[in-house]
C-alpha cells in the first residue's frame, strides 16, 4: 500500500473523524471565485466530502478526482444523486483531463501528497484564464503533553497504518505555487493532452 492511500483503508472512520472546514472560509472562496451554475470546479482528493458540500451546493459543474477506491465509492454514495456531481477514481498525477479546464481547482489538505512540480504545473495548466487555485491546509498540535499516550498512539500507527511504499517525494511548500504560476505565465508552458 502507498502512503497516500492509507486513509482509503478506513473510509467510514475517515468520514466520521476527519475535521471539517470553516464555513467562513467557504463563504469567502465562493464569493472570490464567483461560483454558481456557470462555473466548473475540480476538487483534488475529496476523501469523503469534508470540503465538498459548500462548493457542490453552489450549483457549479462539480468534478473530483479521488485516488482511493473506497473513498471514491463513499463519495458516489453520498453525492451521486446530484446532477452536477462528477467523480473519477484515478491518480491526478497521471490522469488525462482531455483538454477540460476549470474555473476553480481546490484541495483540502490533499495537494501536498502530489510532488510539487506536478501539483502546481498541472493545476495551473488546467485552470481557465482568470481561474482560481485554492489550497487548504489543516494544522494542529497533535502531540499531546502526555508522552506515554503519544507513544501508544505511535505504536497503533506503526502496527496498522504503516504503508509498504514509503512517502518519498519530499517536502511540500504551499508558497511555491506563486513562483510556479509566474514561470508558467512567462514560459507559456501548458500540459499536453492525449484526447
N, C-alpha and C. Protein backbone atom coordinates (compact mmCIF):
# COMPACT_ATOMS: atom_id res chain seq x y z
N UNK A 1 0.84 -1.18 0.00
CA UNK A 1 0.00 0.00 0.00
C UNK A 1 0.88 1.24 0.00
N UNK A 2 0.47 2.24 -0.78
CA UNK A 2 1.18 3.52 -0.81
C UNK A 2 0.78 4.37 0.39
N UNK A 3 1.70 5.21 0.82
CA UNK A 3 1.44 6.10 1.94
C UNK A 3 0.22 6.98 1.67
N UNK A 4 0.08 7.47 0.43
CA UNK A 4 -1.02 8.39 0.14
C UNK A 4 -2.37 7.70 0.03
N UNK A 5 -2.40 6.36 0.19
CA UNK A 5 -3.68 5.64 0.17
C UNK A 5 -4.04 5.07 1.54
N UNK A 6 -3.35 5.48 2.58
CA UNK A 6 -3.61 4.94 3.92
C UNK A 6 -5.06 5.19 4.34
N UNK A 7 -5.56 6.41 4.13
CA UNK A 7 -6.93 6.72 4.57
C UNK A 7 -7.97 5.92 3.80
N UNK A 8 -7.62 5.42 2.62
CA UNK A 8 -8.57 4.64 1.84
C UNK A 8 -8.91 3.32 2.53
N UNK A 9 -8.07 2.89 3.46
CA UNK A 9 -8.32 1.63 4.17
C UNK A 9 -9.39 1.78 5.25
N UNK A 10 -9.73 3.02 5.60
CA UNK A 10 -10.70 3.26 6.69
C UNK A 10 -11.71 4.35 6.29
N UNK A 11 -12.46 4.15 5.23
CA UNK A 11 -13.34 5.23 4.76
C UNK A 11 -14.42 5.64 5.77
N UNK A 12 -14.98 4.70 6.49
CA UNK A 12 -16.04 5.05 7.46
C UNK A 12 -15.48 5.87 8.61
N UNK A 13 -14.33 5.44 9.14
CA UNK A 13 -13.71 6.18 10.24
C UNK A 13 -13.23 7.55 9.77
N UNK A 14 -12.69 7.60 8.55
CA UNK A 14 -12.23 8.87 8.00
C UNK A 14 -13.40 9.84 7.88
N UNK A 15 -14.53 9.34 7.41
CA UNK A 15 -15.71 10.19 7.25
C UNK A 15 -16.20 10.70 8.60
N UNK A 16 -16.12 9.88 9.60
CA UNK A 16 -16.63 10.27 10.92
C UNK A 16 -15.70 11.24 11.65
N UNK A 17 -14.39 11.01 11.59
CA UNK A 17 -13.46 11.73 12.45
C UNK A 17 -12.65 12.83 11.77
N UNK A 18 -12.60 12.85 10.45
CA UNK A 18 -11.81 13.87 9.77
C UNK A 18 -12.36 15.26 10.10
N UNK A 19 -11.51 16.21 10.48
CA UNK A 19 -12.01 17.56 10.79
C UNK A 19 -12.71 18.19 9.60
N UNK A 20 -13.71 19.01 9.90
CA UNK A 20 -14.42 19.77 8.88
C UNK A 20 -13.74 21.13 8.75
N UNK A 21 -14.13 21.85 7.72
CA UNK A 21 -13.51 23.15 7.45
C UNK A 21 -14.46 24.29 7.79
N UNK A 22 -13.91 25.44 7.99
CA UNK A 22 -14.65 26.62 8.41
C UNK A 22 -15.66 27.07 7.37
N UNK A 23 -16.93 27.26 7.76
CA UNK A 23 -17.93 27.80 6.82
C UNK A 23 -17.52 29.18 6.28
N UNK A 24 -16.87 29.99 7.12
CA UNK A 24 -16.44 31.33 6.68
C UNK A 24 -15.41 31.22 5.55
N UNK A 25 -14.54 30.22 5.62
CA UNK A 25 -13.56 30.01 4.56
C UNK A 25 -14.27 29.75 3.24
N UNK A 26 -15.27 28.90 3.26
CA UNK A 26 -16.00 28.57 2.03
C UNK A 26 -16.80 29.77 1.53
N UNK A 27 -17.39 30.53 2.43
CA UNK A 27 -18.13 31.72 2.01
C UNK A 27 -17.21 32.67 1.26
N UNK A 28 -16.01 32.86 1.78
CA UNK A 28 -15.03 33.74 1.11
C UNK A 28 -14.60 33.17 -0.23
N UNK A 29 -14.32 31.85 -0.27
CA UNK A 29 -13.88 31.22 -1.51
C UNK A 29 -14.97 31.28 -2.58
N UNK A 30 -16.19 30.98 -2.21
CA UNK A 30 -17.31 31.01 -3.16
C UNK A 30 -17.50 32.41 -3.72
N UNK A 31 -17.39 33.41 -2.86
CA UNK A 31 -17.52 34.80 -3.32
C UNK A 31 -16.35 35.18 -4.22
N UNK A 32 -15.13 34.85 -3.80
CA UNK A 32 -13.94 35.22 -4.56
C UNK A 32 -13.93 34.59 -5.97
N UNK A 33 -14.31 33.31 -6.03
CA UNK A 33 -14.32 32.59 -7.31
C UNK A 33 -15.64 32.80 -8.07
N UNK A 34 -16.57 33.55 -7.48
CA UNK A 34 -17.88 33.82 -8.09
C UNK A 34 -18.55 32.53 -8.56
N UNK A 35 -18.60 31.55 -7.66
CA UNK A 35 -19.15 30.25 -8.03
C UNK A 35 -20.65 30.28 -8.20
N UNK A 36 -21.11 29.51 -9.16
CA UNK A 36 -22.52 29.36 -9.46
C UNK A 36 -22.68 28.34 -10.57
N UNK A 37 -23.86 28.18 -11.09
CA UNK A 37 -24.12 27.16 -12.12
C UNK A 37 -23.29 27.32 -13.39
N UNK A 38 -22.76 28.50 -13.64
CA UNK A 38 -21.98 28.73 -14.86
C UNK A 38 -20.49 28.44 -14.68
N UNK A 39 -20.09 27.91 -13.53
CA UNK A 39 -18.68 27.66 -13.24
C UNK A 39 -18.40 26.16 -13.16
N UNK A 40 -17.18 25.81 -13.53
CA UNK A 40 -16.73 24.41 -13.48
C UNK A 40 -15.62 24.30 -12.44
N UNK A 41 -15.75 23.32 -11.56
CA UNK A 41 -14.85 23.19 -10.41
C UNK A 41 -14.26 21.79 -10.38
N UNK A 42 -12.99 21.70 -9.94
CA UNK A 42 -12.33 20.41 -9.72
C UNK A 42 -11.81 20.37 -8.29
N UNK A 43 -12.23 19.34 -7.55
CA UNK A 43 -11.67 19.10 -6.21
C UNK A 43 -10.67 17.96 -6.31
N UNK A 44 -9.49 18.18 -5.78
CA UNK A 44 -8.45 17.16 -5.75
C UNK A 44 -8.57 16.35 -4.47
N UNK A 45 -8.75 15.04 -4.60
CA UNK A 45 -8.79 14.15 -3.44
C UNK A 45 -9.82 14.54 -2.41
N UNK A 46 -11.10 14.43 -2.73
CA UNK A 46 -12.12 14.86 -1.79
C UNK A 46 -12.28 13.98 -0.55
N UNK A 47 -11.62 12.83 -0.53
CA UNK A 47 -11.79 11.94 0.62
C UNK A 47 -13.23 11.47 0.69
N UNK A 48 -13.93 11.86 1.75
CA UNK A 48 -15.35 11.51 1.88
C UNK A 48 -16.22 12.76 1.88
N UNK A 49 -15.68 13.88 1.41
CA UNK A 49 -16.50 15.06 1.20
C UNK A 49 -16.48 16.13 2.27
N UNK A 50 -15.45 16.18 3.09
CA UNK A 50 -15.38 17.18 4.14
C UNK A 50 -15.38 18.61 3.59
N UNK A 51 -14.93 18.78 2.35
CA UNK A 51 -14.89 20.11 1.75
C UNK A 51 -15.75 20.17 0.48
N UNK A 52 -16.68 19.27 0.35
CA UNK A 52 -17.46 19.17 -0.89
C UNK A 52 -18.79 19.91 -0.82
N UNK A 53 -19.54 19.75 0.24
CA UNK A 53 -20.90 20.30 0.33
C UNK A 53 -21.04 21.77 -0.06
N UNK A 54 -20.23 22.67 0.53
CA UNK A 54 -20.44 24.09 0.21
C UNK A 54 -20.22 24.42 -1.26
N UNK A 55 -19.27 23.74 -1.88
CA UNK A 55 -18.96 24.01 -3.29
C UNK A 55 -20.05 23.39 -4.18
N UNK A 56 -20.39 22.15 -3.93
CA UNK A 56 -21.41 21.46 -4.72
C UNK A 56 -22.75 22.19 -4.65
N UNK A 57 -23.06 22.73 -3.48
CA UNK A 57 -24.37 23.40 -3.30
C UNK A 57 -24.48 24.72 -4.04
N UNK A 58 -23.40 25.22 -4.62
CA UNK A 58 -23.49 26.44 -5.44
C UNK A 58 -24.14 26.17 -6.78
N UNK A 59 -24.30 24.87 -7.13
CA UNK A 59 -24.86 24.51 -8.42
C UNK A 59 -23.83 24.46 -9.52
N UNK A 60 -22.56 24.65 -9.16
CA UNK A 60 -21.48 24.59 -10.15
C UNK A 60 -21.39 23.20 -10.77
N UNK A 61 -20.70 23.10 -11.87
CA UNK A 61 -20.41 21.81 -12.51
C UNK A 61 -19.22 21.24 -11.74
N UNK A 62 -19.52 20.42 -10.72
CA UNK A 62 -18.50 19.92 -9.78
C UNK A 62 -17.88 18.64 -10.31
N UNK A 63 -16.54 18.60 -10.31
CA UNK A 63 -15.78 17.41 -10.68
C UNK A 63 -14.80 17.12 -9.56
N UNK A 64 -14.48 15.85 -9.37
CA UNK A 64 -13.48 15.47 -8.37
C UNK A 64 -12.67 14.31 -8.93
N UNK A 65 -11.43 14.21 -8.45
CA UNK A 65 -10.61 13.04 -8.75
C UNK A 65 -10.12 12.50 -7.41
N UNK A 66 -10.41 11.23 -7.17
CA UNK A 66 -10.06 10.58 -5.90
C UNK A 66 -9.24 9.33 -6.18
N UNK A 67 -8.08 9.25 -5.57
CA UNK A 67 -7.16 8.12 -5.74
C UNK A 67 -7.69 6.84 -5.09
N UNK A 68 -8.25 6.95 -3.91
CA UNK A 68 -8.68 5.77 -3.16
C UNK A 68 -9.98 5.18 -3.65
N UNK A 69 -9.98 3.89 -3.89
CA UNK A 69 -11.18 3.21 -4.40
C UNK A 69 -12.34 3.26 -3.41
N UNK A 70 -12.04 3.07 -2.12
CA UNK A 70 -13.10 3.05 -1.11
C UNK A 70 -13.63 4.47 -0.84
N UNK A 71 -12.73 5.44 -0.84
CA UNK A 71 -13.16 6.83 -0.67
C UNK A 71 -14.02 7.27 -1.87
N UNK A 72 -13.62 6.86 -3.06
CA UNK A 72 -14.38 7.13 -4.28
C UNK A 72 -15.80 6.57 -4.17
N UNK A 73 -15.92 5.32 -3.72
CA UNK A 73 -17.23 4.70 -3.57
C UNK A 73 -18.07 5.44 -2.54
N UNK A 74 -17.44 5.86 -1.46
CA UNK A 74 -18.15 6.62 -0.41
C UNK A 74 -18.69 7.93 -0.97
N UNK A 75 -17.87 8.61 -1.78
CA UNK A 75 -18.30 9.87 -2.40
C UNK A 75 -19.49 9.63 -3.35
N UNK A 76 -19.42 8.57 -4.14
CA UNK A 76 -20.52 8.27 -5.07
C UNK A 76 -21.83 8.03 -4.31
N UNK A 77 -21.74 7.33 -3.18
CA UNK A 77 -22.93 7.06 -2.38
C UNK A 77 -23.49 8.34 -1.78
N UNK A 78 -22.62 9.22 -1.32
CA UNK A 78 -23.07 10.46 -0.68
C UNK A 78 -23.63 11.47 -1.67
N UNK A 79 -22.99 11.59 -2.84
CA UNK A 79 -23.31 12.71 -3.73
C UNK A 79 -23.79 12.32 -5.12
N UNK A 80 -23.83 11.04 -5.42
CA UNK A 80 -24.20 10.60 -6.76
C UNK A 80 -25.57 11.03 -7.23
N UNK A 81 -26.45 11.40 -6.32
CA UNK A 81 -27.80 11.83 -6.69
C UNK A 81 -27.84 13.24 -7.25
N UNK A 82 -26.76 14.01 -7.06
CA UNK A 82 -26.74 15.39 -7.53
C UNK A 82 -26.37 15.42 -9.02
N UNK A 83 -27.17 16.10 -9.85
CA UNK A 83 -26.89 16.10 -11.29
C UNK A 83 -25.61 16.84 -11.66
N UNK A 84 -25.13 17.72 -10.80
CA UNK A 84 -23.90 18.48 -11.09
C UNK A 84 -22.65 17.83 -10.50
N UNK A 85 -22.78 16.61 -9.99
CA UNK A 85 -21.65 15.90 -9.34
C UNK A 85 -21.03 14.90 -10.30
N UNK A 86 -19.72 14.97 -10.47
CA UNK A 86 -18.96 14.04 -11.32
C UNK A 86 -17.67 13.69 -10.59
N UNK A 87 -17.34 12.41 -10.54
CA UNK A 87 -16.10 12.00 -9.87
C UNK A 87 -15.41 10.90 -10.69
N UNK A 88 -14.09 10.93 -10.65
CA UNK A 88 -13.26 9.94 -11.31
C UNK A 88 -12.41 9.26 -10.25
N UNK A 89 -12.31 7.95 -10.33
CA UNK A 89 -11.38 7.22 -9.46
C UNK A 89 -10.07 7.12 -10.23
N UNK A 90 -9.12 7.97 -9.89
CA UNK A 90 -7.86 7.99 -10.62
C UNK A 90 -6.79 8.77 -9.88
N UNK A 91 -5.63 8.79 -10.48
CA UNK A 91 -4.47 9.46 -9.92
C UNK A 91 -4.28 10.79 -10.65
N UNK A 92 -4.37 11.88 -9.95
CA UNK A 92 -4.21 13.21 -10.55
C UNK A 92 -2.89 13.31 -11.31
N UNK A 93 -1.86 12.68 -10.81
CA UNK A 93 -0.54 12.76 -11.43
C UNK A 93 -0.57 12.25 -12.86
N UNK A 94 -1.29 11.17 -13.12
CA UNK A 94 -1.27 10.54 -14.44
C UNK A 94 -2.57 10.72 -15.23
N UNK A 95 -3.62 11.20 -14.61
CA UNK A 95 -4.92 11.30 -15.28
C UNK A 95 -4.88 12.33 -16.40
N UNK A 96 -5.45 11.98 -17.54
CA UNK A 96 -5.56 12.89 -18.68
C UNK A 96 -6.96 13.52 -18.64
N UNK A 97 -7.01 14.82 -18.46
CA UNK A 97 -8.28 15.53 -18.39
C UNK A 97 -8.83 15.90 -19.77
N UNK A 98 -8.14 15.45 -20.82
CA UNK A 98 -8.62 15.58 -22.20
C UNK A 98 -9.00 17.01 -22.57
N UNK A 99 -8.20 17.96 -22.14
CA UNK A 99 -8.43 19.34 -22.51
C UNK A 99 -9.44 20.08 -21.66
N UNK A 100 -10.06 19.41 -20.69
CA UNK A 100 -11.03 20.09 -19.83
C UNK A 100 -10.30 21.10 -18.95
N UNK A 101 -10.92 22.24 -18.74
CA UNK A 101 -10.35 23.26 -17.85
C UNK A 101 -11.40 23.68 -16.83
N UNK A 102 -10.94 24.35 -15.79
CA UNK A 102 -11.79 24.64 -14.63
C UNK A 102 -11.64 26.09 -14.19
N UNK A 103 -12.74 26.63 -13.65
CA UNK A 103 -12.72 27.98 -13.09
C UNK A 103 -12.10 27.98 -11.70
N UNK A 104 -12.26 26.88 -10.99
CA UNK A 104 -11.69 26.73 -9.65
C UNK A 104 -11.16 25.31 -9.52
N UNK A 105 -9.93 25.19 -9.03
CA UNK A 105 -9.38 23.90 -8.61
C UNK A 105 -9.05 24.09 -7.13
N UNK A 106 -9.54 23.17 -6.31
CA UNK A 106 -9.24 23.32 -4.88
C UNK A 106 -8.87 21.98 -4.26
N UNK A 107 -8.12 22.11 -3.19
CA UNK A 107 -7.62 20.95 -2.47
C UNK A 107 -7.72 21.24 -0.98
N UNK A 108 -8.38 20.37 -0.25
CA UNK A 108 -8.45 20.50 1.19
C UNK A 108 -7.48 19.48 1.80
N UNK A 109 -6.26 19.92 2.03
CA UNK A 109 -5.20 19.09 2.64
C UNK A 109 -4.91 17.83 1.82
N UNK A 110 -4.93 17.97 0.49
CA UNK A 110 -4.63 16.83 -0.39
C UNK A 110 -3.47 17.11 -1.33
N UNK A 111 -3.35 18.32 -1.80
CA UNK A 111 -2.37 18.62 -2.83
C UNK A 111 -0.94 18.31 -2.37
N UNK A 112 -0.70 18.34 -1.07
CA UNK A 112 0.66 18.07 -0.57
C UNK A 112 1.08 16.62 -0.76
N UNK A 113 0.18 15.74 -1.20
CA UNK A 113 0.51 14.35 -1.49
C UNK A 113 0.99 14.18 -2.94
N UNK A 114 1.00 15.26 -3.68
CA UNK A 114 1.44 15.24 -5.08
C UNK A 114 2.77 15.97 -5.14
N UNK A 115 3.77 15.44 -5.83
CA UNK A 115 5.04 16.18 -5.93
C UNK A 115 4.80 17.60 -6.44
N UNK A 116 5.46 18.56 -5.81
CA UNK A 116 5.25 19.98 -6.12
C UNK A 116 5.27 20.30 -7.61
N UNK A 117 6.25 19.77 -8.31
CA UNK A 117 6.40 20.10 -9.73
C UNK A 117 5.14 19.75 -10.51
N UNK A 118 4.56 18.60 -10.20
CA UNK A 118 3.33 18.17 -10.87
C UNK A 118 2.13 18.90 -10.31
N UNK A 119 2.07 19.02 -8.99
CA UNK A 119 0.91 19.63 -8.35
C UNK A 119 0.65 21.02 -8.91
N UNK A 120 1.66 21.85 -8.96
CA UNK A 120 1.44 23.22 -9.38
C UNK A 120 1.37 23.37 -10.89
N UNK A 121 2.29 22.76 -11.61
CA UNK A 121 2.27 22.95 -13.06
C UNK A 121 1.00 22.36 -13.67
N UNK A 122 0.55 21.21 -13.18
CA UNK A 122 -0.64 20.59 -13.76
C UNK A 122 -1.90 21.36 -13.39
N UNK A 123 -2.01 21.78 -12.13
CA UNK A 123 -3.22 22.52 -11.76
C UNK A 123 -3.30 23.82 -12.54
N UNK A 124 -2.20 24.53 -12.70
CA UNK A 124 -2.24 25.79 -13.43
C UNK A 124 -2.58 25.56 -14.90
N UNK A 125 -2.12 24.45 -15.46
CA UNK A 125 -2.44 24.17 -16.87
C UNK A 125 -3.91 23.80 -17.06
N UNK A 126 -4.58 23.38 -15.98
CA UNK A 126 -5.99 23.00 -16.04
C UNK A 126 -6.94 24.15 -15.71
N UNK A 127 -6.39 25.28 -15.29
CA UNK A 127 -7.23 26.43 -14.95
C UNK A 127 -7.58 27.24 -16.19
N UNK A 128 -8.81 27.70 -16.24
CA UNK A 128 -9.20 28.64 -17.29
C UNK A 128 -8.51 29.97 -17.01
N UNK A 129 -8.37 30.83 -18.02
CA UNK A 129 -7.81 32.16 -17.77
C UNK A 129 -8.61 32.86 -16.66
N UNK A 130 -7.90 33.39 -15.67
CA UNK A 130 -8.55 34.02 -14.53
C UNK A 130 -9.05 33.05 -13.49
N UNK A 131 -8.76 31.74 -13.68
CA UNK A 131 -9.20 30.72 -12.73
C UNK A 131 -8.49 30.82 -11.40
N UNK A 132 -9.01 30.11 -10.41
CA UNK A 132 -8.52 30.18 -9.04
C UNK A 132 -8.02 28.82 -8.58
N UNK A 133 -6.84 28.80 -7.97
CA UNK A 133 -6.34 27.61 -7.28
C UNK A 133 -6.42 27.91 -5.79
N UNK A 134 -7.17 27.09 -5.05
CA UNK A 134 -7.32 27.24 -3.60
C UNK A 134 -6.78 26.00 -2.91
N UNK A 135 -5.87 26.22 -1.97
CA UNK A 135 -5.27 25.11 -1.23
C UNK A 135 -5.51 25.33 0.25
N UNK A 136 -6.17 24.37 0.88
CA UNK A 136 -6.47 24.46 2.30
C UNK A 136 -5.57 23.49 3.04
N UNK A 137 -5.13 23.90 4.19
CA UNK A 137 -4.22 23.10 5.00
C UNK A 137 -4.75 23.05 6.42
N UNK A 138 -4.82 21.86 6.97
CA UNK A 138 -5.15 21.75 8.39
C UNK A 138 -3.84 21.70 9.15
N UNK A 139 -3.84 22.34 10.28
CA UNK A 139 -2.62 22.35 11.08
C UNK A 139 -3.03 22.30 12.53
N UNK A 140 -2.34 21.50 13.26
CA UNK A 140 -2.64 21.39 14.67
C UNK A 140 -1.50 20.73 15.41
N UNK A 141 -1.52 20.91 16.69
CA UNK A 141 -0.50 20.28 17.52
C UNK A 141 -1.08 18.98 18.04
N UNK A 142 -0.83 17.90 17.28
CA UNK A 142 -1.43 16.63 17.66
C UNK A 142 -0.63 15.91 18.73
N UNK A 143 0.54 16.41 19.07
CA UNK A 143 1.36 15.73 20.08
C UNK A 143 0.91 16.17 21.47
N UNK A 144 0.27 15.27 22.14
CA UNK A 144 -0.22 15.54 23.48
C UNK A 144 0.94 15.71 24.47
N UNK A 145 0.75 16.49 25.52
CA UNK A 145 1.81 16.60 26.55
C UNK A 145 2.00 15.28 27.31
N UNK A 146 1.04 14.36 27.15
CA UNK A 146 1.14 13.06 27.81
C UNK A 146 2.00 12.15 26.92
N UNK A 147 3.28 12.08 27.22
CA UNK A 147 4.24 11.35 26.37
C UNK A 147 3.88 9.86 26.26
N UNK A 148 3.41 9.25 27.35
CA UNK A 148 3.06 7.83 27.31
C UNK A 148 1.90 7.59 26.33
N UNK A 149 0.89 8.47 26.35
CA UNK A 149 -0.23 8.34 25.42
C UNK A 149 0.25 8.54 23.98
N UNK A 150 1.09 9.53 23.77
CA UNK A 150 1.62 9.79 22.43
C UNK A 150 2.34 8.56 21.89
N UNK A 151 3.17 7.93 22.71
CA UNK A 151 3.92 6.75 22.27
C UNK A 151 2.98 5.58 21.96
N UNK A 152 1.91 5.42 22.72
CA UNK A 152 0.92 4.37 22.43
C UNK A 152 0.23 4.63 21.09
N UNK A 153 -0.10 5.89 20.82
CA UNK A 153 -0.72 6.24 19.54
C UNK A 153 0.24 5.94 18.39
N UNK A 154 1.51 6.25 18.57
CA UNK A 154 2.50 5.97 17.53
C UNK A 154 2.63 4.47 17.27
N UNK A 155 2.49 3.65 18.33
CA UNK A 155 2.53 2.20 18.16
C UNK A 155 1.35 1.71 17.32
N UNK A 156 0.18 2.30 17.54
CA UNK A 156 -1.00 1.94 16.75
C UNK A 156 -0.77 2.30 15.28
N UNK A 157 -0.26 3.52 15.02
CA UNK A 157 0.05 3.92 13.64
C UNK A 157 1.03 2.94 13.01
N UNK A 158 2.08 2.60 13.73
CA UNK A 158 3.09 1.70 13.18
C UNK A 158 2.53 0.31 12.89
N UNK A 159 1.63 -0.16 13.75
CA UNK A 159 1.07 -1.51 13.58
C UNK A 159 0.02 -1.58 12.48
N UNK A 160 -0.80 -0.54 12.34
CA UNK A 160 -1.95 -0.63 11.44
C UNK A 160 -1.92 0.30 10.24
N UNK A 161 -1.13 1.35 10.30
CA UNK A 161 -1.16 2.34 9.23
C UNK A 161 0.22 2.64 8.66
N UNK A 162 1.11 1.69 8.73
CA UNK A 162 2.44 1.88 8.14
C UNK A 162 2.41 1.32 6.72
N UNK A 163 2.54 2.19 5.74
CA UNK A 163 2.46 1.72 4.35
C UNK A 163 3.68 0.92 3.92
N UNK A 164 3.46 0.05 2.94
CA UNK A 164 4.56 -0.74 2.38
C UNK A 164 5.47 0.13 1.52
N UNK A 165 4.85 1.11 0.84
CA UNK A 165 5.62 2.00 -0.03
C UNK A 165 5.76 3.34 0.68
N UNK A 166 6.96 3.74 1.01
CA UNK A 166 7.14 4.99 1.76
C UNK A 166 6.83 6.22 0.93
N UNK A 167 6.55 7.29 1.63
CA UNK A 167 6.30 8.59 1.02
C UNK A 167 7.66 9.20 0.73
N UNK A 168 7.99 9.37 -0.55
CA UNK A 168 9.37 9.72 -0.87
C UNK A 168 9.55 11.00 -1.67
N UNK A 169 8.46 11.72 -1.96
CA UNK A 169 8.66 12.87 -2.84
C UNK A 169 9.17 14.11 -2.12
N UNK A 170 9.36 14.07 -0.82
CA UNK A 170 10.00 15.17 -0.11
C UNK A 170 9.00 16.18 0.42
N UNK A 171 9.55 17.31 0.84
CA UNK A 171 8.74 18.36 1.46
C UNK A 171 7.88 19.07 0.42
N UNK A 172 6.77 19.59 0.87
CA UNK A 172 5.85 20.33 0.01
C UNK A 172 5.71 21.72 0.59
N UNK A 173 5.84 22.73 -0.25
CA UNK A 173 5.76 24.11 0.21
C UNK A 173 4.63 24.82 -0.55
N UNK A 174 3.57 25.14 0.15
CA UNK A 174 2.42 25.79 -0.47
C UNK A 174 2.81 27.11 -1.13
N UNK A 175 3.75 27.83 -0.53
CA UNK A 175 4.11 29.14 -1.07
C UNK A 175 4.86 29.07 -2.39
N UNK A 176 5.27 27.90 -2.82
CA UNK A 176 5.93 27.76 -4.13
C UNK A 176 4.94 27.86 -5.29
N UNK A 177 3.66 27.84 -4.99
CA UNK A 177 2.64 27.93 -6.04
C UNK A 177 2.78 29.23 -6.83
N UNK A 178 3.06 30.31 -6.15
CA UNK A 178 3.17 31.61 -6.83
C UNK A 178 4.36 31.60 -7.78
N UNK A 179 5.48 31.07 -7.34
CA UNK A 179 6.67 31.01 -8.20
C UNK A 179 6.39 30.16 -9.45
N UNK A 180 5.72 29.03 -9.26
CA UNK A 180 5.40 28.17 -10.40
C UNK A 180 4.44 28.86 -11.36
N UNK A 181 3.44 29.55 -10.82
CA UNK A 181 2.49 30.27 -11.68
C UNK A 181 3.20 31.31 -12.52
N UNK A 182 4.14 32.03 -11.93
CA UNK A 182 4.88 33.05 -12.68
C UNK A 182 5.71 32.40 -13.78
N UNK A 183 6.33 31.27 -13.49
CA UNK A 183 7.12 30.56 -14.50
C UNK A 183 6.25 30.11 -15.67
N UNK A 184 5.07 29.59 -15.35
CA UNK A 184 4.16 29.13 -16.40
C UNK A 184 3.71 30.30 -17.26
N UNK A 185 3.37 31.42 -16.62
CA UNK A 185 2.94 32.59 -17.39
C UNK A 185 4.05 33.10 -18.31
N UNK A 186 5.28 33.13 -17.81
CA UNK A 186 6.40 33.63 -18.61
C UNK A 186 6.77 32.68 -19.75
N UNK A 187 6.70 31.37 -19.47
CA UNK A 187 7.14 30.38 -20.46
C UNK A 187 6.05 29.95 -21.42
N UNK A 188 4.78 30.18 -21.04
CA UNK A 188 3.67 29.71 -21.87
C UNK A 188 3.53 28.20 -21.84
N UNK A 189 4.11 27.56 -20.82
CA UNK A 189 4.09 26.10 -20.68
C UNK A 189 2.66 25.63 -20.38
N UNK A 190 2.18 24.64 -21.12
CA UNK A 190 0.87 24.04 -20.86
C UNK A 190 1.00 22.54 -20.93
N UNK A 191 0.06 21.84 -20.31
CA UNK A 191 0.10 20.38 -20.33
C UNK A 191 -0.45 19.85 -21.63
N UNK A 192 0.14 18.79 -22.11
CA UNK A 192 -0.34 18.15 -23.35
C UNK A 192 -1.48 17.20 -23.02
N UNK A 193 -2.35 16.99 -23.99
CA UNK A 193 -3.47 16.07 -23.80
C UNK A 193 -3.45 15.03 -24.90
N UNK A 194 -3.73 13.79 -24.51
CA UNK A 194 -3.76 12.71 -25.48
C UNK A 194 -5.14 12.48 -26.07
N UNK A 195 -6.13 13.27 -25.69
CA UNK A 195 -7.51 13.05 -26.17
C UNK A 195 -7.79 13.88 -27.41
